Amino acid sequence: MYALYDYRYEIASSSLPLEFRREFRGLARGRVTSTYDRRTGAKEPVPAETQCRRVAEVLAGFEVLRASGYALQTPRNFSSKHLRFLISLWSVQQLTSQEVAEKLEHWRQFLLWIRKRVLVALLNTTLITGASSVQNEYLRCSHAATYSRPDIPVLTRDKAMEAIMEHRGNLRKAARALGTTTHSVCEASEKVVHKTGSLFRGSRS
């Protein structure tokens, strides 16, 4: 089955409040698709799957915070107490060094989005210092929780076509319902587009 990694669709599929998701999408737009290397001044493109994994990791963290009584009204309100709370949860998960590095990078990038470099330093110090402890201690603990990556909702051809049919071929309305762009809707349903031709002609954006 054809599936499209689209961070916008993923954000729209989150259980977080609508206003929170809107602001998070605004933060991600223009930032999640590339990373900036301060040493070289170059921007490096981020693959679509990695974009979605980054969004999934951070949104999962906010969902955990909300379930634990930290109902942040906006992603920008993320503070050191929230980061310390998440780190305390991560510390009892069975994380490999690769998973630690991946989690570190996703959260580092998010903290750069919200311009909280002080928290980047806290994150780096805590997780880098604890990486060996995670490997040598937590993997041996019987009470350690097994770690699994957050699920990534993907935009499938079936979902795209269902939205298109529901909105009588109107790509703009279908894209709005899916929380993504008309271009992504067309890409997700590309094989059907080739068969139906005129239905979608001139509708990409």
N, C-alpha and C. Protein backbone atom coordinates (compact mmCIF):
# COMPACT_ATOMS: atom_id res chain seq x y z
N MET A 1 0.84 -1.19 0.00
CA MET A 1 0.00 0.00 0.00
C MET A 1 0.88 1.24 0.00
N TYR A 2 0.60 2.16 -0.91
CA TYR A 2 1.37 3.40 -0.97
C TYR A 2 1.04 4.26 0.24
N ALA A 3 2.07 4.81 0.87
CA ALA A 3 1.89 5.67 2.04
C ALA A 3 2.84 6.84 1.95
N LEU A 4 2.39 7.98 2.42
CA LEU A 4 3.18 9.21 2.35
C LEU A 4 3.50 9.70 3.75
N TYR A 5 4.77 9.95 4.01
CA TYR A 5 5.16 10.57 5.27
C TYR A 5 4.94 12.07 5.15
N ASP A 6 4.04 12.60 5.97
CA ASP A 6 3.69 14.01 5.91
C ASP A 6 3.51 14.52 7.34
N TYR A 7 4.42 15.37 7.78
CA TYR A 7 4.37 15.83 9.17
C TYR A 7 3.11 16.63 9.47
N ARG A 8 2.54 17.28 8.45
CA ARG A 8 1.31 18.06 8.66
C ARG A 8 0.13 17.15 8.98
N TYR A 9 0.01 16.07 8.21
CA TYR A 9 -1.05 15.09 8.47
C TYR A 9 -0.86 14.47 9.85
N GLU A 10 0.38 14.21 10.20
CA GLU A 10 0.67 13.62 11.51
C GLU A 10 0.23 14.55 12.64
N ILE A 11 0.51 15.84 12.52
CA ILE A 11 0.11 16.80 13.55
C ILE A 11 -1.42 16.84 13.65
N ALA A 12 -2.08 16.84 12.50
CA ALA A 12 -3.54 16.89 12.48
C ALA A 12 -4.15 15.64 13.12
N SER A 13 -3.42 14.53 13.10
CA SER A 13 -3.93 13.27 13.66
C SER A 13 -3.71 13.17 15.17
N SER A 14 -2.98 14.12 15.75
CA SER A 14 -2.68 14.08 17.18
C SER A 14 -3.93 14.31 18.01
N SER A 15 -3.91 13.80 19.24
CA SER A 15 -5.03 13.98 20.17
C SER A 15 -4.91 15.28 20.97
N LEU A 16 -3.86 16.03 20.75
CA LEU A 16 -3.66 17.29 21.47
C LEU A 16 -4.69 18.32 21.01
N PRO A 17 -4.98 19.34 21.84
CA PRO A 17 -6.00 20.34 21.48
C PRO A 17 -5.69 21.05 20.15
N LEU A 18 -6.74 21.48 19.49
CA LEU A 18 -6.62 22.08 18.17
C LEU A 18 -5.68 23.29 18.16
N GLU A 19 -5.84 24.21 19.10
CA GLU A 19 -5.00 25.40 19.12
C GLU A 19 -3.54 25.05 19.34
N PHE A 20 -3.29 24.06 20.18
CA PHE A 20 -1.93 23.60 20.43
C PHE A 20 -1.33 23.06 19.13
N ARG A 21 -2.12 22.24 18.42
CA ARG A 21 -1.64 21.65 17.17
C ARG A 21 -1.36 22.72 16.13
N ARG A 22 -2.21 23.74 16.08
CA ARG A 22 -2.00 24.82 15.12
C ARG A 22 -0.69 25.55 15.38
N GLU A 23 -0.41 25.83 16.64
CA GLU A 23 0.83 26.53 16.95
C GLU A 23 2.03 25.63 16.71
N PHE A 24 1.90 24.35 17.03
CA PHE A 24 3.00 23.42 16.80
C PHE A 24 3.30 23.33 15.30
N ARG A 25 2.25 23.30 14.50
CA ARG A 25 2.47 23.25 13.05
C ARG A 25 3.17 24.51 12.58
N GLY A 26 2.80 25.67 13.14
CA GLY A 26 3.47 26.91 12.79
C GLY A 26 4.94 26.87 13.14
N LEU A 27 5.27 26.26 14.27
CA LEU A 27 6.67 26.12 14.67
C LEU A 27 7.42 25.19 13.73
N ALA A 28 6.77 24.09 13.37
CA ALA A 28 7.43 23.08 12.53
C ALA A 28 7.64 23.57 11.10
N ARG A 29 6.71 24.38 10.61
CA ARG A 29 6.78 24.84 9.23
C ARG A 29 8.09 25.60 8.98
N GLY A 30 8.84 25.15 8.00
CA GLY A 30 10.09 25.81 7.66
C GLY A 30 11.27 25.40 8.54
N ARG A 31 10.99 24.63 9.61
CA ARG A 31 12.06 24.20 10.50
C ARG A 31 12.27 22.70 10.49
N VAL A 32 11.18 21.94 10.41
CA VAL A 32 11.30 20.49 10.49
C VAL A 32 11.91 19.90 9.21
N THR A 33 11.83 20.63 8.11
CA THR A 33 12.32 20.10 6.83
C THR A 33 13.83 20.22 6.65
N SER A 34 14.49 20.98 7.53
CA SER A 34 15.93 21.13 7.42
C SER A 34 16.54 21.42 8.79
N THR A 35 17.82 21.16 8.92
CA THR A 35 18.56 21.51 10.13
C THR A 35 19.68 22.46 9.76
N TYR A 36 20.00 23.34 10.70
CA TYR A 36 21.02 24.36 10.47
C TYR A 36 22.30 23.99 11.20
N ASP A 37 23.38 23.96 10.46
CA ASP A 37 24.69 23.66 11.05
C ASP A 37 25.39 24.99 11.35
N ARG A 38 25.50 25.33 12.65
CA ARG A 38 26.09 26.61 13.05
C ARG A 38 27.56 26.70 12.68
N ARG A 39 28.24 25.56 12.57
CA ARG A 39 29.67 25.57 12.25
C ARG A 39 29.92 25.95 10.80
N THR A 40 29.07 25.45 9.90
CA THR A 40 29.29 25.70 8.47
C THR A 40 28.33 26.74 7.91
N GLY A 41 27.24 27.01 8.65
CA GLY A 41 26.24 27.96 8.13
C GLY A 41 25.36 27.34 7.07
N ALA A 42 25.43 26.00 6.92
CA ALA A 42 24.66 25.32 5.87
C ALA A 42 23.39 24.72 6.44
N LYS A 43 22.37 24.65 5.59
CA LYS A 43 21.13 23.97 5.94
C LYS A 43 21.12 22.60 5.29
N GLU A 44 20.84 21.60 6.10
CA GLU A 44 20.79 20.23 5.59
C GLU A 44 19.35 19.76 5.54
N PRO A 45 18.90 19.22 4.39
CA PRO A 45 17.51 18.73 4.30
C PRO A 45 17.30 17.52 5.21
N VAL A 46 16.10 17.42 5.77
CA VAL A 46 15.74 16.30 6.63
C VAL A 46 14.77 15.40 5.87
N PRO A 47 15.04 14.11 5.74
CA PRO A 47 14.12 13.21 5.02
C PRO A 47 12.72 13.22 5.64
N ALA A 48 11.71 12.98 4.81
CA ALA A 48 10.32 13.04 5.26
C ALA A 48 10.04 12.11 6.43
N GLU A 49 10.61 10.90 6.39
CA GLU A 49 10.37 9.96 7.49
C GLU A 49 10.97 10.48 8.78
N THR A 50 12.16 11.07 8.71
CA THR A 50 12.79 11.64 9.91
C THR A 50 12.00 12.82 10.43
N GLN A 51 11.46 13.64 9.52
CA GLN A 51 10.60 14.75 9.93
C GLN A 51 9.44 14.22 10.78
N CYS A 52 8.83 13.15 10.30
CA CYS A 52 7.68 12.58 11.00
C CYS A 52 8.09 11.94 12.32
N ARG A 53 9.26 11.29 12.35
CA ARG A 53 9.72 10.71 13.60
C ARG A 53 10.00 11.82 14.62
N ARG A 54 10.53 12.93 14.15
CA ARG A 54 10.80 14.06 15.06
C ARG A 54 9.50 14.59 15.64
N VAL A 55 8.52 14.81 14.78
CA VAL A 55 7.22 15.32 15.23
C VAL A 55 6.56 14.31 16.17
N ALA A 56 6.63 13.03 15.83
CA ALA A 56 6.01 11.99 16.66
C ALA A 56 6.64 11.96 18.05
N GLU A 57 7.95 12.05 18.11
CA GLU A 57 8.66 12.02 19.39
C GLU A 57 8.25 13.20 20.27
N VAL A 58 8.24 14.40 19.70
CA VAL A 58 7.93 15.59 20.50
C VAL A 58 6.46 15.63 20.90
N LEU A 59 5.57 15.31 19.96
CA LEU A 59 4.14 15.30 20.30
C LEU A 59 3.83 14.25 21.36
N ALA A 60 4.49 13.10 21.27
CA ALA A 60 4.29 12.06 22.29
C ALA A 60 4.70 12.57 23.66
N GLY A 61 5.78 13.36 23.69
CA GLY A 61 6.21 13.96 24.96
C GLY A 61 5.16 14.90 25.52
N PHE A 62 4.56 15.71 24.66
CA PHE A 62 3.52 16.64 25.11
C PHE A 62 2.26 15.89 25.56
N GLU A 63 1.96 14.78 24.90
CA GLU A 63 0.80 13.99 25.31
C GLU A 63 1.04 13.38 26.70
N VAL A 64 2.27 12.92 26.96
CA VAL A 64 2.61 12.39 28.28
C VAL A 64 2.51 13.49 29.33
N LEU A 65 3.01 14.66 29.01
CA LEU A 65 2.93 15.79 29.94
C LEU A 65 1.48 16.12 30.27
N ARG A 66 0.64 16.17 29.24
CA ARG A 66 -0.78 16.50 29.46
C ARG A 66 -1.45 15.43 30.33
N ALA A 67 -1.15 14.17 30.07
CA ALA A 67 -1.74 13.09 30.86
C ALA A 67 -1.24 13.10 32.31
N SER A 68 -0.11 13.76 32.53
CA SER A 68 0.48 13.81 33.87
C SER A 68 0.16 15.12 34.59
N GLY A 69 -0.73 15.92 34.01
CA GLY A 69 -1.16 17.14 34.68
C GLY A 69 -0.50 18.41 34.21
N TYR A 70 0.39 18.31 33.22
CA TYR A 70 1.04 19.50 32.67
C TYR A 70 0.34 19.88 31.36
N ALA A 71 -0.75 20.60 31.47
CA ALA A 71 -1.54 20.95 30.29
C ALA A 71 -1.05 22.26 29.69
N LEU A 72 0.05 22.20 28.98
CA LEU A 72 0.61 23.40 28.37
C LEU A 72 -0.35 23.97 27.33
N GLN A 73 -0.54 25.26 27.35
CA GLN A 73 -1.44 25.90 26.39
C GLN A 73 -0.77 26.09 25.04
N THR A 74 0.55 26.16 25.04
CA THR A 74 1.30 26.37 23.80
C THR A 74 2.64 25.64 23.90
N PRO A 75 3.19 25.17 22.79
CA PRO A 75 4.49 24.50 22.83
C PRO A 75 5.59 25.42 23.36
N ARG A 76 5.44 26.71 23.18
CA ARG A 76 6.45 27.68 23.61
C ARG A 76 6.56 27.76 25.14
N ASN A 77 5.57 27.24 25.85
CA ASN A 77 5.59 27.26 27.31
C ASN A 77 6.43 26.13 27.90
N PHE A 78 6.99 25.30 27.04
CA PHE A 78 7.84 24.19 27.50
C PHE A 78 9.01 24.75 28.30
N SER A 79 9.22 24.22 29.51
CA SER A 79 10.24 24.77 30.40
C SER A 79 11.11 23.66 30.99
N SER A 80 12.03 24.06 31.85
CA SER A 80 12.97 23.10 32.44
C SER A 80 12.25 22.05 33.27
N LYS A 81 11.16 22.43 33.96
CA LYS A 81 10.46 21.43 34.78
C LYS A 81 9.82 20.35 33.90
N HIS A 82 9.36 20.75 32.72
CA HIS A 82 8.78 19.77 31.80
C HIS A 82 9.87 18.85 31.25
N LEU A 83 11.00 19.43 30.91
CA LEU A 83 12.11 18.63 30.39
C LEU A 83 12.63 17.66 31.45
N ARG A 84 12.77 18.14 32.67
CA ARG A 84 13.25 17.27 33.75
C ARG A 84 12.27 16.12 34.01
N PHE A 85 10.97 16.42 33.90
CA PHE A 85 9.96 15.38 34.10
C PHE A 85 10.10 14.30 33.03
N LEU A 86 10.26 14.71 31.76
CA LEU A 86 10.41 13.74 30.68
C LEU A 86 11.69 12.94 30.84
N ILE A 87 12.76 13.61 31.20
CA ILE A 87 14.04 12.91 31.38
C ILE A 87 13.92 11.85 32.47
N SER A 88 13.17 12.16 33.53
CA SER A 88 12.99 11.19 34.60
C SER A 88 12.26 9.94 34.10
N LEU A 89 11.34 10.13 33.13
CA LEU A 89 10.64 8.98 32.54
C LEU A 89 11.56 8.19 31.61
N TRP A 90 12.34 8.93 30.81
CA TRP A 90 13.26 8.26 29.89
C TRP A 90 14.30 7.44 30.62
N SER A 91 14.67 7.89 31.83
CA SER A 91 15.76 7.25 32.56
C SER A 91 15.45 5.82 32.98
N VAL A 92 14.16 5.45 32.98
CA VAL A 92 13.80 4.08 33.36
C VAL A 92 13.27 3.30 32.16
N GLN A 93 13.57 3.79 30.98
CA GLN A 93 13.21 3.05 29.77
C GLN A 93 14.44 2.31 29.26
N GLN A 94 14.19 1.22 28.58
CA GLN A 94 15.29 0.42 28.04
C GLN A 94 15.76 1.03 26.72
N LEU A 95 16.57 2.05 26.83
CA LEU A 95 17.06 2.76 25.65
C LEU A 95 18.47 2.32 25.29
N THR A 96 18.70 2.04 24.02
CA THR A 96 20.06 1.78 23.55
C THR A 96 20.73 3.13 23.31
N SER A 97 22.03 3.11 23.09
CA SER A 97 22.76 4.36 22.84
C SER A 97 22.24 5.03 21.56
N GLN A 98 21.85 4.23 20.57
CA GLN A 98 21.31 4.79 19.33
C GLN A 98 19.98 5.49 19.58
N GLU A 99 19.13 4.88 20.41
CA GLU A 99 17.84 5.47 20.73
C GLU A 99 18.00 6.75 21.56
N VAL A 100 18.98 6.74 22.46
CA VAL A 100 19.28 7.94 23.24
C VAL A 100 19.69 9.07 22.30
N ALA A 101 20.58 8.75 21.36
CA ALA A 101 21.07 9.76 20.41
C ALA A 101 19.93 10.30 19.55
N GLU A 102 19.03 9.42 19.12
CA GLU A 102 17.91 9.84 18.29
C GLU A 102 16.96 10.75 19.07
N LYS A 103 16.63 10.34 20.29
CA LYS A 103 15.75 11.14 21.14
C LYS A 103 16.39 12.50 21.42
N LEU A 104 17.68 12.48 21.71
CA LEU A 104 18.43 13.71 21.99
C LEU A 104 18.32 14.69 20.82
N GLU A 105 18.52 14.17 19.61
CA GLU A 105 18.50 15.04 18.43
C GLU A 105 17.10 15.61 18.17
N HIS A 106 16.07 14.80 18.29
CA HIS A 106 14.71 15.28 18.05
C HIS A 106 14.35 16.40 19.02
N TRP A 107 14.64 16.21 20.30
CA TRP A 107 14.29 17.23 21.28
C TRP A 107 15.20 18.44 21.18
N ARG A 108 16.46 18.23 20.83
CA ARG A 108 17.35 19.37 20.63
C ARG A 108 16.81 20.29 19.54
N GLN A 109 16.38 19.69 18.44
CA GLN A 109 15.86 20.50 17.34
C GLN A 109 14.59 21.25 17.76
N PHE A 110 13.70 20.58 18.50
CA PHE A 110 12.49 21.26 18.96
C PHE A 110 12.84 22.45 19.86
N LEU A 111 13.80 22.26 20.76
CA LEU A 111 14.19 23.35 21.66
C LEU A 111 14.79 24.52 20.88
N LEU A 112 15.44 24.23 19.77
CA LEU A 112 15.94 25.29 18.91
C LEU A 112 14.78 26.01 18.22
N TRP A 113 13.73 25.27 17.86
CA TRP A 113 12.54 25.91 17.26
C TRP A 113 11.98 26.97 18.19
N ILE A 114 11.93 26.66 19.49
CA ILE A 114 11.32 27.60 20.45
C ILE A 114 12.38 28.50 21.11
N ARG A 115 13.61 28.43 20.58
CA ARG A 115 14.69 29.33 20.99
C ARG A 115 15.01 29.24 22.49
N LYS A 116 15.11 28.01 22.97
CA LYS A 116 15.45 27.81 24.39
C LYS A 116 16.76 27.02 24.47
N ARG A 117 17.85 27.73 24.17
CA ARG A 117 19.17 27.10 24.15
C ARG A 117 19.63 26.66 25.53
N VAL A 118 19.12 27.32 26.57
CA VAL A 118 19.47 26.90 27.93
C VAL A 118 18.99 25.48 28.17
N LEU A 119 17.81 25.16 27.64
CA LEU A 119 17.28 23.81 27.79
C LEU A 119 18.05 22.81 26.93
N VAL A 120 18.60 23.27 25.82
CA VAL A 120 19.44 22.40 25.00
C VAL A 120 20.65 21.95 25.81
N ALA A 121 21.22 22.89 26.54
CA ALA A 121 22.38 22.56 27.38
C ALA A 121 21.99 21.55 28.46
N LEU A 122 20.82 21.75 29.07
CA LEU A 122 20.33 20.81 30.09
C LEU A 122 20.11 19.42 29.48
N LEU A 123 19.50 19.40 28.32
CA LEU A 123 19.24 18.13 27.63
C LEU A 123 20.54 17.42 27.31
N ASN A 124 21.49 18.14 26.73
CA ASN A 124 22.77 17.55 26.36
C ASN A 124 23.48 16.96 27.58
N THR A 125 23.56 17.74 28.63
CA THR A 125 24.27 17.31 29.84
C THR A 125 23.63 16.07 30.45
N THR A 126 22.32 16.11 30.57
CA THR A 126 21.61 15.00 31.23
C THR A 126 21.68 13.71 30.44
N LEU A 127 21.36 13.79 29.15
CA LEU A 127 21.30 12.56 28.37
C LEU A 127 22.67 12.02 27.98
N ILE A 128 23.59 12.93 27.67
CA ILE A 128 24.93 12.44 27.31
C ILE A 128 25.60 11.80 28.52
N THR A 129 25.46 12.45 29.68
CA THR A 129 26.02 11.91 30.91
C THR A 129 25.37 10.58 31.26
N GLY A 130 24.06 10.48 31.02
CA GLY A 130 23.33 9.27 31.39
C GLY A 130 23.36 8.16 30.37
N ALA A 131 23.94 8.40 29.20
CA ALA A 131 23.88 7.39 28.14
C ALA A 131 24.53 6.08 28.58
N SER A 132 25.71 6.18 29.22
CA SER A 132 26.38 4.95 29.65
C SER A 132 25.58 4.27 30.75
N SER A 133 24.93 5.07 31.62
CA SER A 133 24.11 4.50 32.68
C SER A 133 22.93 3.75 32.10
N VAL A 134 22.36 4.31 31.03
CA VAL A 134 21.23 3.65 30.39
C VAL A 134 21.64 2.28 29.87
N GLN A 135 22.82 2.23 29.25
CA GLN A 135 23.28 0.95 28.70
C GLN A 135 23.68 -0.03 29.80
N ASN A 136 24.41 0.46 30.79
CA ASN A 136 25.01 -0.44 31.77
C ASN A 136 24.13 -0.77 32.96
N GLU A 137 23.17 0.12 33.25
CA GLU A 137 22.36 -0.10 34.44
C GLU A 137 20.91 -0.40 34.09
N TYR A 138 20.26 0.49 33.35
CA TYR A 138 18.82 0.36 33.16
C TYR A 138 18.45 -0.87 32.34
N LEU A 139 19.33 -1.29 31.44
CA LEU A 139 19.03 -2.48 30.66
C LEU A 139 19.01 -3.73 31.53
N ARG A 140 19.63 -3.67 32.71
CA ARG A 140 19.67 -4.83 33.58
C ARG A 140 18.57 -4.80 34.64
N CYS A 141 17.83 -3.67 34.72
CA CYS A 141 16.82 -3.53 35.77
C CYS A 141 15.54 -4.25 35.37
N SER A 142 15.02 -5.07 36.26
CA SER A 142 13.80 -5.82 35.95
C SER A 142 12.59 -4.89 35.85
N HIS A 143 12.66 -3.69 36.51
CA HIS A 143 11.52 -2.78 36.49
C HIS A 143 11.58 -1.79 35.33
N ALA A 144 12.65 -1.85 34.53
CA ALA A 144 12.79 -0.89 33.44
C ALA A 144 11.69 -1.10 32.40
N ALA A 145 11.15 -0.01 31.91
CA ALA A 145 10.08 -0.08 30.92
C ALA A 145 10.68 -0.24 29.53
N THR A 146 10.11 -1.11 28.73
CA THR A 146 10.58 -1.29 27.36
C THR A 146 10.24 -0.06 26.53
N TYR A 147 11.21 0.42 25.79
CA TYR A 147 11.01 1.61 24.97
C TYR A 147 10.52 1.21 23.58
N SER A 148 9.58 1.96 23.06
CA SER A 148 9.15 1.77 21.67
C SER A 148 8.92 3.14 21.06
N ARG A 149 9.33 3.28 19.84
CA ARG A 149 9.14 4.56 19.16
C ARG A 149 7.66 4.89 19.04
N PRO A 150 7.32 6.18 19.12
CA PRO A 150 5.91 6.56 18.92
C PRO A 150 5.45 6.20 17.51
N ASP A 151 4.19 5.84 17.39
CA ASP A 151 3.63 5.52 16.08
C ASP A 151 3.60 6.76 15.19
N ILE A 152 3.74 6.54 13.89
CA ILE A 152 3.67 7.64 12.92
C ILE A 152 2.44 7.43 12.04
N PRO A 153 1.42 8.27 12.16
CA PRO A 153 0.29 8.18 11.23
C PRO A 153 0.78 8.56 9.83
N VAL A 154 0.51 7.73 8.85
CA VAL A 154 0.91 8.03 7.47
C VAL A 154 -0.32 8.24 6.60
N LEU A 155 -0.15 9.08 5.61
CA LEU A 155 -1.25 9.36 4.69
C LEU A 155 -1.24 8.31 3.58
N THR A 156 -2.24 7.44 3.58
CA THR A 156 -2.31 6.38 2.58
C THR A 156 -3.20 6.81 1.41
N ARG A 157 -3.09 6.05 0.35
CA ARG A 157 -3.92 6.32 -0.82
C ARG A 157 -5.41 6.20 -0.47
N ASP A 158 -5.73 5.20 0.34
CA ASP A 158 -7.14 5.00 0.73
C ASP A 158 -7.69 6.19 1.51
N LYS A 159 -6.88 6.70 2.43
CA LYS A 159 -7.33 7.85 3.22
C LYS A 159 -7.49 9.08 2.35
N ALA A 160 -6.55 9.27 1.43
CA ALA A 160 -6.63 10.42 0.53
C ALA A 160 -7.86 10.34 -0.36
N MET A 161 -8.11 9.16 -0.93
CA MET A 161 -9.25 9.00 -1.83
C MET A 161 -10.58 9.10 -1.07
N GLU A 162 -10.60 8.61 0.15
CA GLU A 162 -11.81 8.73 0.96
C GLU A 162 -12.17 10.20 1.19
N ALA A 163 -11.16 11.01 1.49
CA ALA A 163 -11.40 12.43 1.72
C ALA A 163 -11.81 13.12 0.42
N ILE A 164 -11.17 12.73 -0.69
CA ILE A 164 -11.51 13.33 -1.99
C ILE A 164 -12.96 13.01 -2.37
N MET A 165 -13.34 11.76 -2.20
CA MET A 165 -14.70 11.35 -2.54
C MET A 165 -15.72 12.03 -1.62
N GLU A 166 -15.38 12.14 -0.34
CA GLU A 166 -16.29 12.77 0.63
C GLU A 166 -16.54 14.23 0.26
N HIS A 167 -15.54 14.86 -0.31
CA HIS A 167 -15.67 16.27 -0.67
C HIS A 167 -15.86 16.47 -2.18
N ARG A 168 -16.39 15.44 -2.84
CA ARG A 168 -16.79 15.49 -4.24
C ARG A 168 -15.68 16.00 -5.17
N GLY A 169 -14.46 15.53 -4.92
CA GLY A 169 -13.34 15.88 -5.80
C GLY A 169 -12.70 17.22 -5.51
N ASN A 170 -13.18 17.92 -4.49
CA ASN A 170 -12.60 19.23 -4.15
C ASN A 170 -11.33 18.99 -3.32
N LEU A 171 -10.17 19.19 -3.97
CA LEU A 171 -8.91 18.89 -3.31
C LEU A 171 -8.62 19.81 -2.14
N ARG A 172 -9.02 21.06 -2.26
CA ARG A 172 -8.76 21.99 -1.16
C ARG A 172 -9.49 21.56 0.11
N LYS A 173 -10.76 21.18 -0.05
CA LYS A 173 -11.53 20.74 1.12
C LYS A 173 -11.00 19.41 1.66
N ALA A 174 -10.59 18.52 0.76
CA ALA A 174 -10.04 17.23 1.18
C ALA A 174 -8.74 17.44 1.96
N ALA A 175 -7.90 18.34 1.44
CA ALA A 175 -6.63 18.62 2.11
C ALA A 175 -6.86 19.26 3.48
N ARG A 176 -7.84 20.16 3.54
CA ARG A 176 -8.14 20.81 4.82
C ARG A 176 -8.64 19.77 5.84
N ALA A 177 -9.45 18.83 5.38
CA ALA A 177 -9.98 17.80 6.28
C ALA A 177 -8.86 16.90 6.80
N LEU A 178 -7.84 16.69 5.99
CA LEU A 178 -6.72 15.82 6.38
C LEU A 178 -5.61 16.59 7.08
N GLY A 179 -5.74 17.92 7.12
CA GLY A 179 -4.73 18.74 7.78
C GLY A 179 -3.45 18.89 6.99
N THR A 180 -3.53 18.72 5.67
CA THR A 180 -2.32 18.79 4.86
C THR A 180 -2.53 19.67 3.64
N THR A 181 -1.72 19.51 2.61
CA THR A 181 -1.80 20.33 1.41
C THR A 181 -2.41 19.54 0.25
N THR A 182 -2.89 20.27 -0.75
CA THR A 182 -3.43 19.59 -1.93
C THR A 182 -2.33 18.79 -2.64
N HIS A 183 -1.11 19.31 -2.60
CA HIS A 183 0.00 18.59 -3.22
C HIS A 183 0.19 17.22 -2.56
N SER A 184 0.13 17.17 -1.23
CA SER A 184 0.29 15.90 -0.52
C SER A 184 -0.87 14.94 -0.81
N VAL A 185 -2.08 15.49 -0.90
CA VAL A 185 -3.24 14.64 -1.22
C VAL A 185 -3.06 14.02 -2.60
N CYS A 186 -2.62 14.83 -3.55
CA CYS A 186 -2.38 14.31 -4.90
C CYS A 186 -1.26 13.28 -4.91
N GLU A 187 -0.19 13.55 -4.17
CA GLU A 187 0.93 12.62 -4.13
C GLU A 187 0.52 11.29 -3.51
N ALA A 188 -0.28 11.36 -2.44
CA ALA A 188 -0.72 10.13 -1.77
C ALA A 188 -1.62 9.30 -2.67
N SER A 189 -2.36 9.97 -3.55
CA SER A 189 -3.30 9.26 -4.42
C SER A 189 -2.80 9.23 -5.86
N GLU A 190 -1.50 9.33 -6.06
CA GLU A 190 -0.94 9.54 -7.39
C GLU A 190 -1.34 8.49 -8.41
N LYS A 191 -1.44 7.22 -8.03
CA LYS A 191 -1.79 6.20 -9.02
C LYS A 191 -3.23 6.37 -9.48
N VAL A 192 -4.08 6.82 -8.54
CA VAL A 192 -5.46 7.07 -8.92
C VAL A 192 -5.54 8.31 -9.78
N VAL A 193 -4.70 9.31 -9.49
CA VAL A 193 -4.66 10.55 -10.27
C VAL A 193 -4.36 10.24 -11.72
N HIS A 194 -3.42 9.34 -11.96
CA HIS A 194 -3.04 9.01 -13.32
C HIS A 194 -4.20 8.36 -14.09
N LYS A 195 -5.06 7.65 -13.37
CA LYS A 195 -6.18 6.98 -14.02
C LYS A 195 -7.33 7.94 -14.29
N THR A 196 -7.54 8.91 -13.38
CA THR A 196 -8.70 9.78 -13.49
C THR A 196 -8.39 11.11 -14.16
N GLY A 197 -7.11 11.45 -14.26
CA GLY A 197 -6.65 12.60 -15.02
C GLY A 197 -7.35 13.91 -14.74
N SER A 198 -8.42 14.18 -15.48
CA SER A 198 -9.05 15.49 -15.48
C SER A 198 -9.60 15.90 -14.13
N LEU A 199 -9.94 14.96 -13.27
CA LEU A 199 -10.50 15.30 -11.97
C LEU A 199 -9.57 16.18 -11.16
N PHE A 200 -8.25 15.96 -11.35
CA PHE A 200 -7.28 16.66 -10.54
C PHE A 200 -6.48 17.70 -11.33
N ARG A 201 -6.72 17.82 -12.63
CA ARG A 201 -5.89 18.69 -13.45
C ARG A 201 -5.93 20.12 -12.95
N GLY A 202 -4.72 20.66 -12.71
CA GLY A 202 -4.63 22.05 -12.30
C GLY A 202 -4.95 22.29 -10.85
N SER A 203 -5.03 21.23 -10.05
CA SER A 203 -5.46 21.41 -8.65
C SER A 203 -4.31 21.36 -7.66
N ARG A 204 -3.11 21.09 -8.13
CA ARG A 204 -1.98 21.01 -7.19
C ARG A 204 -1.63 22.39 -6.65
N SER A 205 -1.19 22.39 -5.37
CA SER A 205 -0.71 23.64 -4.77
C SER A 205 0.28 23.34 -3.67
